[in-house]
Amino acid sequence: MDGIHDVGGMHGFGPIDRDDPALESWEATVIAINNASMRAGLMNIDEFRHGIERMAPAHYLSSPYFEHWLDGITRVLIEKGHVDADGLQQRVELFQEEPDTRFEAVADAPTFEGRARFRYERDATAPARFAVGDAVRMRTANVRGHTRLPRYARGKPAVIHTVHGVHVFPDTNAHGLGEQPTWLYSVRFDAVDLWSDDVESDGQSIYLDAWEPYLLPRDSVTNEEEEENARG
């Protein structure tokens, strides 16, 4: 969806901090909650990402990375009925009043070791629309729901670099509409086509994974463009 989380290519956010500090204990706990929720089938990765995308913009920009995770996980698990919002708030208030409170482990609770790993590639049911070397461009439509197509790439020309095979489609998987597997490609952009005012980008390339519904043949005309041409 179009929101504050889609900051790729935007200016004014300062340099990227490349330090890799050790995780704090609460951050490790958030990772464990996410891992357990996915392994138990309580949510999928696209629902999780869409949960983060719906954070309040000011909260998103003022909070650390794993707070984004915690906010998104909480939102999705409440929406899907796995967590009771009132009960959760009561727990929060309890820990605020008595921070040293500890709870015994739930009997017979499942245990997991290591990070959850999932396979998202699926068998093909139709041939790929594009092949390596094909000239394409990205669709321009604004998206209300979840998508993996960033704003900075929309409408831009590219070339098919790799055909990855058929994979789960995030735009439907995030909304309970099924996996609807479709072809996934790596597409190559000339950096000047993405950031034409940056002379330092001349001769550089940017690669982006793009599902087939994000792509159009380079010389095609979209319905939006036809309507614009008709208006003169």
C-alpha atoms as a PDB file:
ATOM      1  CA  MET A   1       0.000   0.000   0.000  1.00  0.00           C
ATOM      2  CA  ASP A   2       1.044   3.617  -0.307  1.00  0.00           C
ATOM      3  CA  GLY A   3       2.147   4.778   3.123  1.00  0.00           C
ATOM      4  CA  ILE A   4       4.944   6.208   5.218  1.00  0.00           C
ATOM      5  CA  HIS A   5       6.772   2.859   5.228  1.00  0.00           C
ATOM      6  CA  ASP A   6       7.523   3.168   1.480  1.00  0.00           C
ATOM      7  CA  VAL A   7      10.482   5.547   1.841  1.00  0.00           C
ATOM      8  CA  GLY A   8      12.689   4.107  -0.910  1.00  0.00           C
ATOM      9  CA  GLY A   9      14.107   6.886  -3.077  1.00  0.00           C
ATOM     10  CA  MET A  10      12.808   9.648  -0.792  1.00  0.00           C
ATOM     11  CA  HIS A  11      15.032  12.475   0.417  1.00  0.00           C
ATOM     12  CA  GLY A  12      15.476  14.043   3.827  1.00  0.00           C
ATOM     13  CA  PHE A  13      15.990  11.008   6.056  1.00  0.00           C
ATOM     14  CA  GLY A  14      19.730  11.433   6.533  1.00  0.00           C
ATOM     15  CA  PRO A  15      22.492   8.836   6.196  1.00  0.00           C
ATOM     16  CA  ILE A  16      21.896   5.134   6.798  1.00  0.00           C
ATOM     17  CA  ASP A  17      23.298   3.867  10.099  1.00  0.00           C
ATOM     18  CA  ARG A  18      25.308   0.794   9.131  1.00  0.00           C
ATOM     19  CA  ASP A  19      26.205  -0.245  12.677  1.00  0.00           C
ATOM     20  CA  ASP A  20      24.936  -3.663  13.716  1.00  0.00           C
ATOM     21  CA  PRO A  21      24.462  -3.506  17.498  1.00  0.00           C
ATOM     22  CA  ALA A  22      23.589  -6.561  19.536  1.00  0.00           C
ATOM     23  CA  LEU A  23      19.893  -7.201  20.025  1.00  0.00           C
ATOM     24  CA  GLU A  24      18.334  -6.041  23.245  1.00  0.00           C
ATOM     25  CA  SER A  25      16.392  -8.698  25.163  1.00  0.00           C
ATOM     26  CA  TRP A  26      12.997  -7.270  24.206  1.00  0.00           C
ATOM     27  CA  GLU A  27      13.983  -7.289  20.521  1.00  0.00           C
ATOM     28  CA  ALA A  28      14.944 -10.961  20.722  1.00  0.00           C
ATOM     29  CA  THR A  29      11.553 -11.618  22.337  1.00  0.00           C
ATOM     30  CA  VAL A  30       9.768  -9.913  19.454  1.00  0.00           C
ATOM     31  CA  ILE A  31      11.653 -12.095  16.972  1.00  0.00           C
ATOM     32  CA  ALA A  32      10.610 -15.169  18.957  1.00  0.00           C
ATOM     33  CA  ILE A  33       6.949 -14.067  18.981  1.00  0.00           C
ATOM     34  CA  ASN A  34       7.035 -13.553  15.222  1.00  0.00           C
ATOM     35  CA  ASN A  35       8.759 -16.893  14.675  1.00  0.00           C
ATOM     36  CA  ALA A  36       6.259 -18.784  16.839  1.00  0.00           C
ATOM     37  CA  SER A  37       3.229 -17.038  15.290  1.00  0.00           C
ATOM     38  CA  MET A  38       4.304 -17.976  11.783  1.00  0.00           C
ATOM     39  CA  ARG A  39       5.215 -21.558  12.656  1.00  0.00           C
ATOM     40  CA  ALA A  40       1.829 -21.992  14.348  1.00  0.00           C
ATOM     41  CA  GLY A  41       0.047 -20.669  11.244  1.00  0.00           C
ATOM     42  CA  LEU A  42      -1.446 -17.682  13.067  1.00  0.00           C
ATOM     43  CA  MET A  43      -0.309 -15.307  10.313  1.00  0.00           C
ATOM     44  CA  ASN A  44       1.760 -15.336   7.154  1.00  0.00           C
ATOM     45  CA  ILE A  45       4.662 -13.091   6.190  1.00  0.00           C
ATOM     46  CA  ASP A  46       2.554 -10.861   3.944  1.00  0.00           C
ATOM     47  CA  GLU A  47      -0.068 -10.291   6.640  1.00  0.00           C
ATOM     48  CA  PHE A  48       2.788  -9.408   8.989  1.00  0.00           C
ATOM     49  CA  ARG A  49       4.246  -6.866   6.557  1.00  0.00           C
ATOM     50  CA  HIS A  50       0.847  -5.337   5.897  1.00  0.00           C
ATOM     51  CA  GLY A  51       0.341  -5.003   9.648  1.00  0.00           C
ATOM     52  CA  ILE A  52       3.481  -2.875   9.861  1.00  0.00           C
ATOM     53  CA  GLU A  53       2.397  -0.777   6.885  1.00  0.00           C
ATOM     54  CA  ARG A  54      -0.672   0.365   8.809  1.00  0.00           C
ATOM     55  CA  MET A  55       1.222   1.915  11.693  1.00  0.00           C
ATOM     56  CA  ALA A  56       0.451   5.555  12.434  1.00  0.00           C
ATOM     57  CA  PRO A  57       2.978   7.571  10.376  1.00  0.00           C
ATOM     58  CA  ALA A  58       4.364   9.544  13.329  1.00  0.00           C
ATOM     59  CA  HIS A  59       4.777   6.335  15.336  1.00  0.00           C
ATOM     60  CA  TYR A  60       6.477   4.596  12.419  1.00  0.00           C
ATOM     61  CA  LEU A  61       9.054   7.357  11.962  1.00  0.00           C
ATOM     62  CA  SER A  62       9.787   7.787  15.665  1.00  0.00           C
ATOM     63  CA  SER A  63      10.118   4.115  16.662  1.00  0.00           C
ATOM     64  CA  PRO A  64      12.911   1.547  16.225  1.00  0.00           C
ATOM     65  CA  TYR A  65      12.838  -1.337  13.774  1.00  0.00           C
ATOM     66  CA  PHE A  66      11.648  -4.083  16.107  1.00  0.00           C
ATOM     67  CA  GLU A  67       8.937  -1.868  17.525  1.00  0.00           C
ATOM     68  CA  HIS A  68       7.580  -1.874  13.971  1.00  0.00           C
ATOM     69  CA  TRP A  69       7.540  -5.658  14.167  1.00  0.00           C
ATOM     70  CA  LEU A  70       5.781  -5.685  17.537  1.00  0.00           C
ATOM     71  CA  ASP A  71       3.141  -3.213  16.377  1.00  0.00           C
ATOM     72  CA  GLY A  72       2.463  -5.184  13.187  1.00  0.00           C
ATOM     73  CA  ILE A  73       2.319  -8.574  14.927  1.00  0.00           C
ATOM     74  CA  THR A  74      -0.049  -7.232  17.575  1.00  0.00           C
ATOM     75  CA  ARG A  75      -2.363  -5.675  14.996  1.00  0.00           C
ATOM     76  CA  VAL A  76      -2.634  -8.828  12.900  1.00  0.00           C
ATOM     77  CA  LEU A  77      -3.108 -11.250  15.810  1.00  0.00           C
ATOM     78  CA  ILE A  78      -5.872  -9.082  17.267  1.00  0.00           C
ATOM     79  CA  GLU A  79      -7.602  -8.725  13.876  1.00  0.00           C
ATOM     80  CA  LYS A  80      -7.511 -12.479  13.327  1.00  0.00           C
ATOM     81  CA  GLY A  81      -8.900 -13.198  16.793  1.00  0.00           C
ATOM     82  CA  HIS A  82      -5.793 -14.914  18.169  1.00  0.00           C
ATOM     83  CA  VAL A  83      -5.246 -12.225  20.814  1.00  0.00           C
ATOM     84  CA  ASP A  84      -7.902 -10.375  22.822  1.00  0.00           C
ATOM     85  CA  ALA A  85      -7.288  -6.623  22.739  1.00  0.00           C
ATOM     86  CA  ASP A  86      -8.744  -6.000  26.195  1.00  0.00           C
ATOM     87  CA  GLY A  87      -6.787  -8.862  27.706  1.00  0.00           C
ATOM     88  CA  LEU A  88      -3.602  -7.606  26.108  1.00  0.00           C
ATOM     89  CA  GLN A  89      -4.175  -4.113  27.501  1.00  0.00           C
ATOM     90  CA  GLN A  90      -4.682  -5.589  30.962  1.00  0.00           C
ATOM     91  CA  ARG A  91      -1.345  -7.382  30.683  1.00  0.00           C
ATOM     92  CA  VAL A  92       0.359  -4.142  29.591  1.00  0.00           C
ATOM     93  CA  GLU A  93      -1.065  -2.268  32.560  1.00  0.00           C
ATOM     94  CA  LEU A  94      -0.006  -5.084  34.908  1.00  0.00           C
ATOM     95  CA  PHE A  95       3.598  -4.931  33.735  1.00  0.00           C
ATOM     96  CA  GLN A  96       3.572  -1.149  33.983  1.00  0.00           C
ATOM     97  CA  GLU A  97       2.462  -1.371  37.600  1.00  0.00           C
ATOM     98  CA  GLU A  98       4.563  -4.425  38.495  1.00  0.00           C
ATOM     99  CA  PRO A  99       7.475  -4.657  36.032  1.00  0.00           C
ATOM    100  CA  ASP A 100       9.025  -7.675  37.792  1.00  0.00           C
ATOM    101  CA  THR A 101       5.939  -9.853  37.269  1.00  0.00           C
ATOM    102  CA  ARG A 102       6.691 -13.274  35.783  1.00  0.00           C
ATOM    103  CA  PHE A 103       4.291 -15.896  34.420  1.00  0.00           C
ATOM    104  CA  GLU A 104       4.779 -19.629  34.384  1.00  0.00           C
ATOM    105  CA  ALA A 105       5.129 -21.314  31.019  1.00  0.00           C
ATOM    106  CA  VAL A 106       1.939 -22.727  29.520  1.00  0.00           C
ATOM    107  CA  ALA A 107       1.774 -26.495  29.915  1.00  0.00           C
ATOM    108  CA  ASP A 108       2.290 -28.458  26.672  1.00  0.00           C
ATOM    109  CA  ALA A 109       3.024 -25.271  24.731  1.00  0.00           C
ATOM    110  CA  PRO A 110       4.816 -25.971  21.415  1.00  0.00           C
ATOM    111  CA  THR A 111       8.528 -25.224  21.297  1.00  0.00           C
ATOM    112  CA  PHE A 112      10.528 -24.143  18.259  1.00  0.00           C
ATOM    113  CA  GLU A 113      14.232 -24.057  17.591  1.00  0.00           C
ATOM    114  CA  GLY A 114      15.801 -21.769  15.017  1.00  0.00           C
ATOM    115  CA  ARG A 115      14.180 -19.206  12.791  1.00  0.00           C
ATOM    116  CA  ALA A 116      11.102 -20.200  10.809  1.00  0.00           C
ATOM    117  CA  ARG A 117      11.870 -21.035   7.191  1.00  0.00           C
ATOM    118  CA  PHE A 118       9.129 -21.291   4.615  1.00  0.00           C
ATOM    119  CA  ARG A 119       9.058 -22.213   0.939  1.00  0.00           C
ATOM    120  CA  TYR A 120       7.167 -19.753  -1.235  1.00  0.00           C
ATOM    121  CA  GLU A 121       7.859 -21.229  -4.681  1.00  0.00           C
ATOM    122  CA  ARG A 122       4.978 -23.088  -6.298  1.00  0.00           C
ATOM    123  CA  ASP A 123       4.444 -25.238  -9.401  1.00  0.00           C
ATOM    124  CA  ALA A 124       3.658 -23.381 -12.609  1.00  0.00           C
ATOM    125  CA  THR A 125       0.167 -23.724 -14.056  1.00  0.00           C
ATOM    126  CA  ALA A 126       0.703 -21.339 -17.004  1.00  0.00           C
ATOM    127  CA  PRO A 127       3.718 -20.218 -19.047  1.00  0.00           C
ATOM    128  CA  ALA A 128       5.640 -17.090 -18.089  1.00  0.00           C
ATOM    129  CA  ARG A 129       4.548 -13.963 -19.927  1.00  0.00           C
ATOM    130  CA  PHE A 130       8.090 -12.568 -20.093  1.00  0.00           C
ATOM    131  CA  ALA A 131      11.580 -13.926 -20.806  1.00  0.00           C
ATOM    132  CA  VAL A 132      15.112 -12.786 -20.016  1.00  0.00           C
ATOM    133  CA  GLY A 133      15.945  -9.682 -22.067  1.00  0.00           C
ATOM    134  CA  ASP A 134      12.343  -8.532 -22.577  1.00  0.00           C
ATOM    135  CA  ALA A 135      11.803  -4.765 -22.329  1.00  0.00           C
ATOM    136  CA  VAL A 136       9.115  -4.014 -19.744  1.00  0.00           C
ATOM    137  CA  ARG A 137       7.879  -1.229 -17.542  1.00  0.00           C
ATOM    138  CA  MET A 138       6.280  -1.194 -14.151  1.00  0.00           C
ATOM    139  CA  ARG A 139       2.597  -0.489 -13.646  1.00  0.00           C
ATOM    140  CA  THR A 140       1.676   2.927 -12.275  1.00  0.00           C
ATOM    141  CA  ALA A 141      -1.538   2.250 -10.346  1.00  0.00           C
ATOM    142  CA  ASN A 142      -1.714   3.314  -6.712  1.00  0.00           C
ATOM    143  CA  VAL A 143      -2.372   0.380  -4.400  1.00  0.00           C
ATOM    144  CA  ARG A 144      -4.718   0.504  -1.417  1.00  0.00           C
ATOM    145  CA  GLY A 145      -3.700  -2.866  -0.018  1.00  0.00           C
ATOM    146  CA  HIS A 146      -0.374  -4.631   0.377  1.00  0.00           C
ATOM    147  CA  THR A 147       2.103  -4.686  -2.507  1.00  0.00           C
ATOM    148  CA  ARG A 148       5.807  -5.295  -3.007  1.00  0.00           C
ATOM    149  CA  LEU A 149       5.992  -2.745  -5.826  1.00  0.00           C
ATOM    150  CA  PRO A 150       7.648   0.416  -4.421  1.00  0.00           C
ATOM    151  CA  ARG A 151       6.562   3.870  -5.506  1.00  0.00           C
ATOM    152  CA  TYR A 152       9.959   4.846  -6.902  1.00  0.00           C
ATOM    153  CA  ALA A 153       9.752   2.092  -9.553  1.00  0.00           C
ATOM    154  CA  ARG A 154       6.200   2.655 -10.797  1.00  0.00           C
ATOM    155  CA  GLY A 155       5.944   3.532 -14.461  1.00  0.00           C
ATOM    156  CA  LYS A 156       9.692   3.095 -14.966  1.00  0.00           C
ATOM    157  CA  PRO A 157      11.280   1.139 -17.852  1.00  0.00           C
ATOM    158  CA  ALA A 158      13.218  -2.026 -17.059  1.00  0.00           C
ATOM    159  CA  VAL A 159      14.543  -5.249 -18.589  1.00  0.00           C
ATOM    160  CA  ILE A 160      13.895  -8.802 -17.425  1.00  0.00           C
ATOM    161  CA  HIS A 161      17.153 -10.036 -15.888  1.00  0.00           C
ATOM    162  CA  THR A 162      16.140 -13.365 -14.277  1.00  0.00           C
ATOM    163  CA  VAL A 163      13.047 -15.559 -14.208  1.00  0.00           C
ATOM    164  CA  HIS A 164      12.731 -16.863 -10.637  1.00  0.00           C
ATOM    165  CA  GLY A 165       9.781 -19.195 -11.201  1.00  0.00           C
ATOM    166  CA  VAL A 166       6.282 -19.095  -9.711  1.00  0.00           C
ATOM    167  CA  HIS A 167       5.893 -17.740  -6.179  1.00  0.00           C
ATOM    168  CA  VAL A 168       3.126 -16.825  -3.738  1.00  0.00           C
ATOM    169  CA  PHE A 169       1.642 -13.430  -4.681  1.00  0.00           C
ATOM    170  CA  PRO A 170       1.960 -11.051  -1.684  1.00  0.00           C
ATOM    171  CA  ASP A 171      -0.824  -8.712  -2.818  1.00  0.00           C
ATOM    172  CA  THR A 172      -3.448 -11.422  -2.253  1.00  0.00           C
ATOM    173  CA  ASN A 173      -1.748 -13.470   0.457  1.00  0.00           C
ATOM    174  CA  ALA A 174      -1.758 -10.439   2.777  1.00  0.00           C
ATOM    175  CA  HIS A 175      -5.552 -10.122   2.633  1.00  0.00           C
ATOM    176  CA  GLY A 176      -6.837 -13.669   3.039  1.00  0.00           C
ATOM    177  CA  LEU A 177      -7.436 -13.985  -0.714  1.00  0.00           C
ATOM    178  CA  GLY A 178      -5.230 -17.011  -1.167  1.00  0.00           C
ATOM    179  CA  GLU A 179      -1.725 -17.480  -2.461  1.00  0.00           C
ATOM    180  CA  GLN A 180      -2.620 -16.995  -6.155  1.00  0.00           C
ATOM    181  CA  PRO A 181       0.930 -17.979  -7.235  1.00  0.00           C
ATOM    182  CA  THR A 182       2.341 -16.087 -10.189  1.00  0.00           C
ATOM    183  CA  TRP A 183       5.643 -15.677 -11.991  1.00  0.00           C
ATOM    184  CA  LEU A 184       8.381 -13.730 -10.236  1.00  0.00           C
ATOM    185  CA  TYR A 185      11.183 -11.920 -12.060  1.00  0.00           C
ATOM    186  CA  SER A 186      14.284  -9.921 -11.290  1.00  0.00           C
ATOM    187  CA  VAL A 187      14.134  -6.760 -13.389  1.00  0.00           C
ATOM    188  CA  ARG A 188      17.018  -4.381 -14.102  1.00  0.00           C
ATOM    189  CA  PHE A 189      16.639  -0.608 -14.189  1.00  0.00           C
ATOM    190  CA  ASP A 190      19.129   1.944 -15.424  1.00  0.00           C
ATOM    191  CA  ALA A 191      19.611   4.030 -12.303  1.00  0.00           C
ATOM    192  CA  VAL A 192      19.213   7.270 -14.273  1.00  0.00           C
ATOM    193  CA  ASP A 193      15.662   6.196 -15.140  1.00  0.00           C
ATOM    194  CA  LEU A 194      14.841   6.029 -11.438  1.00  0.00           C
ATOM    195  CA  TRP A 195      16.790   9.102 -10.295  1.00  0.00           C
ATOM    196  CA  SER A 196      17.397  11.169 -13.424  1.00  0.00           C
ATOM    197  CA  ASP A 197      18.593  14.226 -11.480  1.00  0.00           C
ATOM    198  CA  ASP A 198      21.491  12.308  -9.921  1.00  0.00           C
ATOM    199  CA  VAL A 199      24.439  12.456 -12.332  1.00  0.00           C
ATOM    200  CA  GLU A 200      26.375   9.994 -10.152  1.00  0.00           C
ATOM    201  CA  SER A 201      23.844   7.276 -11.004  1.00  0.00           C
ATOM    202  CA  ASP A 202      24.772   7.282 -14.723  1.00  0.00           C
ATOM    203  CA  GLY A 203      25.950   3.823 -15.780  1.00  0.00           C
ATOM    204  CA  GLN A 204      24.668   2.091 -12.655  1.00  0.00           C
ATOM    205  CA  SER A 205      21.904  -0.495 -12.475  1.00  0.00           C
ATOM    206  CA  ILE A 206      19.221  -1.253  -9.887  1.00  0.00           C
ATOM    207  CA  TYR A 207      17.612  -4.697  -9.568  1.00  0.00           C
ATOM    208  CA  LEU A 208      14.162  -5.352  -8.164  1.00  0.00           C
ATOM    209  CA  ASP A 209      12.132  -8.543  -7.751  1.00  0.00           C
ATOM    210  CA  ALA A 210       8.752  -8.044  -9.401  1.00  0.00           C
ATOM    211  CA  TRP A 211       5.733 -10.313  -9.712  1.00  0.00           C
ATOM    212  CA  GLU A 212       4.169 -10.626 -13.157  1.00  0.00           C
ATOM    213  CA  PRO A 213       1.069  -8.483 -12.394  1.00  0.00           C
ATOM    214  CA  TYR A 214       3.437  -5.552 -11.722  1.00  0.00           C
ATOM    215  CA  LEU A 215       4.798  -5.665 -15.289  1.00  0.00           C
ATOM    216  CA  LEU A 216       3.706  -4.521 -18.723  1.00  0.00           C
ATOM    217  CA  PRO A 217       5.418  -4.831 -22.118  1.00  0.00           C
ATOM    218  CA  ARG A 218       7.468  -1.663 -22.640  1.00  0.00           C
ATOM    219  CA  ASP A 219       5.423  -0.466 -25.643  1.00  0.00           C
ATOM    220  CA  SER A 220       1.959  -1.184 -24.213  1.00  0.00           C
ATOM    221  CA  VAL A 221      -0.555   1.514 -23.354  1.00  0.00           C
ATOM    222  CA  THR A 222      -2.430   1.207 -20.066  1.00  0.00           C
ATOM    223  CA  ASN A 223      -6.088   2.085 -19.545  1.00  0.00           C
ATOM    224  CA  GLU A 224      -4.967   5.022 -17.404  1.00  0.00           C
ATOM    225  CA  GLU A 225      -2.829   6.368 -20.249  1.00  0.00           C
ATOM    226  CA  GLU A 226      -5.619   5.876 -22.779  1.00  0.00           C
ATOM    227  CA  GLU A 227      -7.950   7.908 -20.587  1.00  0.00           C
ATOM    228  CA  GLU A 228      -5.306  10.613 -20.212  1.00  0.00           C
ATOM    229  CA  ASN A 229      -4.725  10.762 -23.978  1.00  0.00           C
ATOM    230  CA  ALA A 230      -8.477  10.979 -24.580  1.00  0.00           C
ATOM    231  CA  ARG A 231      -8.681  13.978 -22.248  1.00  0.00           C
ATOM    232  CA  GLY A 232      -6.074  15.625 -24.408  1.00  0.00           C
END
